Amino acid sequence: MADAAPGRRRTKPAPLLFEPAAAAADPDRFFGLESMDDPAELLDRSTELTLSFRAATDRAVEFQAVAAAQLADPRRFDRLTPADVAGRAGWTEDYAKKMIEFGRDLLNGRTPAEGA
């Protein structure tokens, strides 16, 4: 994951708190944002949530890539083809190939920018 741009303060993501089932069932409720009257507070909290969701998405994608690489590992007797991985994840085969490679890089301690 990328760090904050030079000169920009890195903001710590806000904790993602789960709402009670009754609140989650109400489509107008979203982490209490709808009840905030102060626009400054609303902007701060919604920005924190945006950063948290982005960070969670980045981490989830990394875990997807690692799992895809592990499932496609040629050393496994039950390995999956990229087409099989794509079918399980709802991806195209080309995307699955990229994710498998990304996962291999992560498993080998490399980031895509570092290359092979």
Protein backbone atom coordinates (compact mmCIF):
# COMPACT_ATOMS: atom_id res chain seq x y z
CA MET A 1 0.00 0.00 0.00
CA ALA A 2 1.20 3.47 -0.78
CA ASP A 3 2.18 5.88 1.95
CA ALA A 4 0.90 9.42 2.07
CA ALA A 5 2.38 11.77 -0.49
CA PRO A 6 5.45 13.71 0.64
CA GLY A 7 4.45 16.71 2.69
CA ARG A 8 1.00 15.29 3.47
CA ARG A 9 0.09 14.14 6.94
CA ARG A 10 -0.75 10.45 7.05
CA THR A 11 -4.17 10.10 8.59
CA LYS A 12 -4.88 7.11 10.78
CA PRO A 13 -7.99 5.30 9.54
CA ALA A 14 -11.00 5.45 11.80
CA PRO A 15 -12.17 2.21 13.36
CA LEU A 16 -15.00 0.58 11.46
CA LEU A 17 -17.70 -0.01 14.04
CA PHE A 18 -20.51 -2.37 13.26
CA GLU A 19 -23.98 -1.02 13.79
CA PRO A 20 -26.77 -3.01 15.47
CA ALA A 21 -28.81 -5.11 13.06
CA ALA A 22 -31.84 -2.82 13.42
CA ALA A 23 -29.77 0.22 12.43
CA ALA A 24 -28.11 -1.63 9.56
CA ALA A 25 -31.56 -2.57 8.24
CA ASP A 26 -32.41 1.13 7.87
CA PRO A 27 -30.98 2.25 4.50
CA ASP A 28 -30.88 5.89 5.66
CA ARG A 29 -28.41 5.08 8.48
CA PHE A 30 -24.70 4.97 7.83
CA PHE A 31 -22.35 4.88 10.82
CA GLY A 32 -24.30 7.71 12.47
CA LEU A 33 -23.34 10.24 9.79
CA GLU A 34 -26.97 11.09 9.06
CA SER A 35 -27.44 12.39 12.60
CA MET A 36 -24.46 14.78 12.62
CA ASP A 37 -25.48 18.42 12.56
CA ASP A 38 -22.01 20.00 12.53
CA PRO A 39 -20.69 20.01 8.93
CA ALA A 40 -17.08 20.12 10.14
CA GLU A 41 -17.63 17.04 12.28
CA LEU A 42 -19.47 15.35 9.39
CA LEU A 43 -16.60 16.06 7.01
CA ASP A 44 -14.01 14.80 9.52
CA ARG A 45 -15.86 11.57 10.31
CA SER A 46 -16.83 10.82 6.70
CA THR A 47 -13.22 11.41 5.64
CA GLU A 48 -12.04 9.02 8.37
CA LEU A 49 -14.51 6.41 7.13
CA THR A 50 -13.42 6.91 3.52
CA LEU A 51 -9.79 6.33 4.47
CA SER A 52 -10.75 3.29 6.54
CA PHE A 53 -12.73 1.74 3.70
CA ARG A 54 -9.88 2.38 1.26
CA ALA A 55 -7.37 0.78 3.62
CA ALA A 56 -9.70 -2.18 4.18
CA THR A 57 -10.16 -2.58 0.42
CA ASP A 58 -6.40 -2.53 -0.17
CA ARG A 59 -5.83 -5.18 2.51
CA ALA A 60 -8.68 -7.36 1.25
CA VAL A 61 -7.28 -7.22 -2.30
CA GLU A 62 -3.88 -8.29 -0.98
CA PHE A 63 -5.47 -11.25 0.79
CA GLN A 64 -7.37 -12.14 -2.40
CA ALA A 65 -4.10 -12.10 -4.34
CA VAL A 66 -2.31 -14.28 -1.81
CA ALA A 67 -5.17 -16.78 -1.78
CA ALA A 68 -5.25 -16.84 -5.59
CA ALA A 69 -1.50 -17.47 -5.72
CA GLN A 70 -1.76 -20.24 -3.14
CA LEU A 71 -4.65 -21.92 -4.98
CA ALA A 72 -2.72 -21.75 -8.28
CA ASP A 73 0.62 -22.87 -6.80
CA PRO A 74 2.09 -25.48 -9.16
CA ARG A 75 3.44 -27.41 -6.14
CA ARG A 76 -0.11 -28.22 -5.01
CA PHE A 77 -1.55 -31.47 -6.28
CA ASP A 78 -4.99 -29.84 -6.27
CA ARG A 79 -3.89 -26.53 -7.78
CA LEU A 80 -6.39 -24.48 -9.72
CA THR A 81 -5.89 -23.03 -13.17
CA PRO A 82 -6.25 -19.28 -13.63
CA ALA A 83 -9.63 -19.97 -15.23
CA ASP A 84 -10.72 -21.93 -12.13
CA VAL A 85 -9.53 -19.12 -9.83
CA ALA A 86 -11.38 -16.61 -12.01
CA GLY A 87 -14.57 -18.63 -11.77
CA ARG A 88 -14.38 -18.87 -7.98
CA ALA A 89 -13.72 -15.16 -7.54
CA GLY A 90 -15.96 -13.81 -10.29
CA TRP A 91 -13.01 -12.38 -12.22
CA THR A 92 -11.94 -12.58 -15.83
CA GLU A 93 -9.16 -15.04 -16.53
CA ASP A 94 -6.76 -12.21 -17.40
CA TYR A 95 -7.46 -10.50 -14.08
CA ALA A 96 -6.98 -13.80 -12.25
CA LYS A 97 -3.55 -14.19 -13.87
CA LYS A 98 -2.58 -10.70 -12.69
CA MET A 99 -3.85 -11.38 -9.19
CA ILE A 100 -1.98 -14.69 -9.04
CA GLU A 101 1.24 -12.91 -10.03
CA PHE A 102 0.58 -10.12 -7.52
CA GLY A 103 -0.01 -12.74 -4.83
CA ARG A 104 3.23 -14.51 -5.71
CA ASP A 105 5.07 -11.21 -5.39
CA LEU A 106 3.49 -10.62 -1.98
CA LEU A 107 4.35 -14.14 -0.83
CA ASN A 108 7.94 -13.61 -1.95
CA GLY A 109 8.17 -10.34 -0.03
CA ARG A 110 8.15 -8.14 -3.12
CA THR A 111 5.85 -5.36 -4.07
CA PRO A 112 4.80 -4.90 -7.72
CA ALA A 113 6.96 -1.77 -7.97
CA GLU A 114 10.09 -3.76 -7.04
CA GLY A 115 9.62 -6.29 -9.82
CA ALA A 116 11.14 -9.74 -9.99
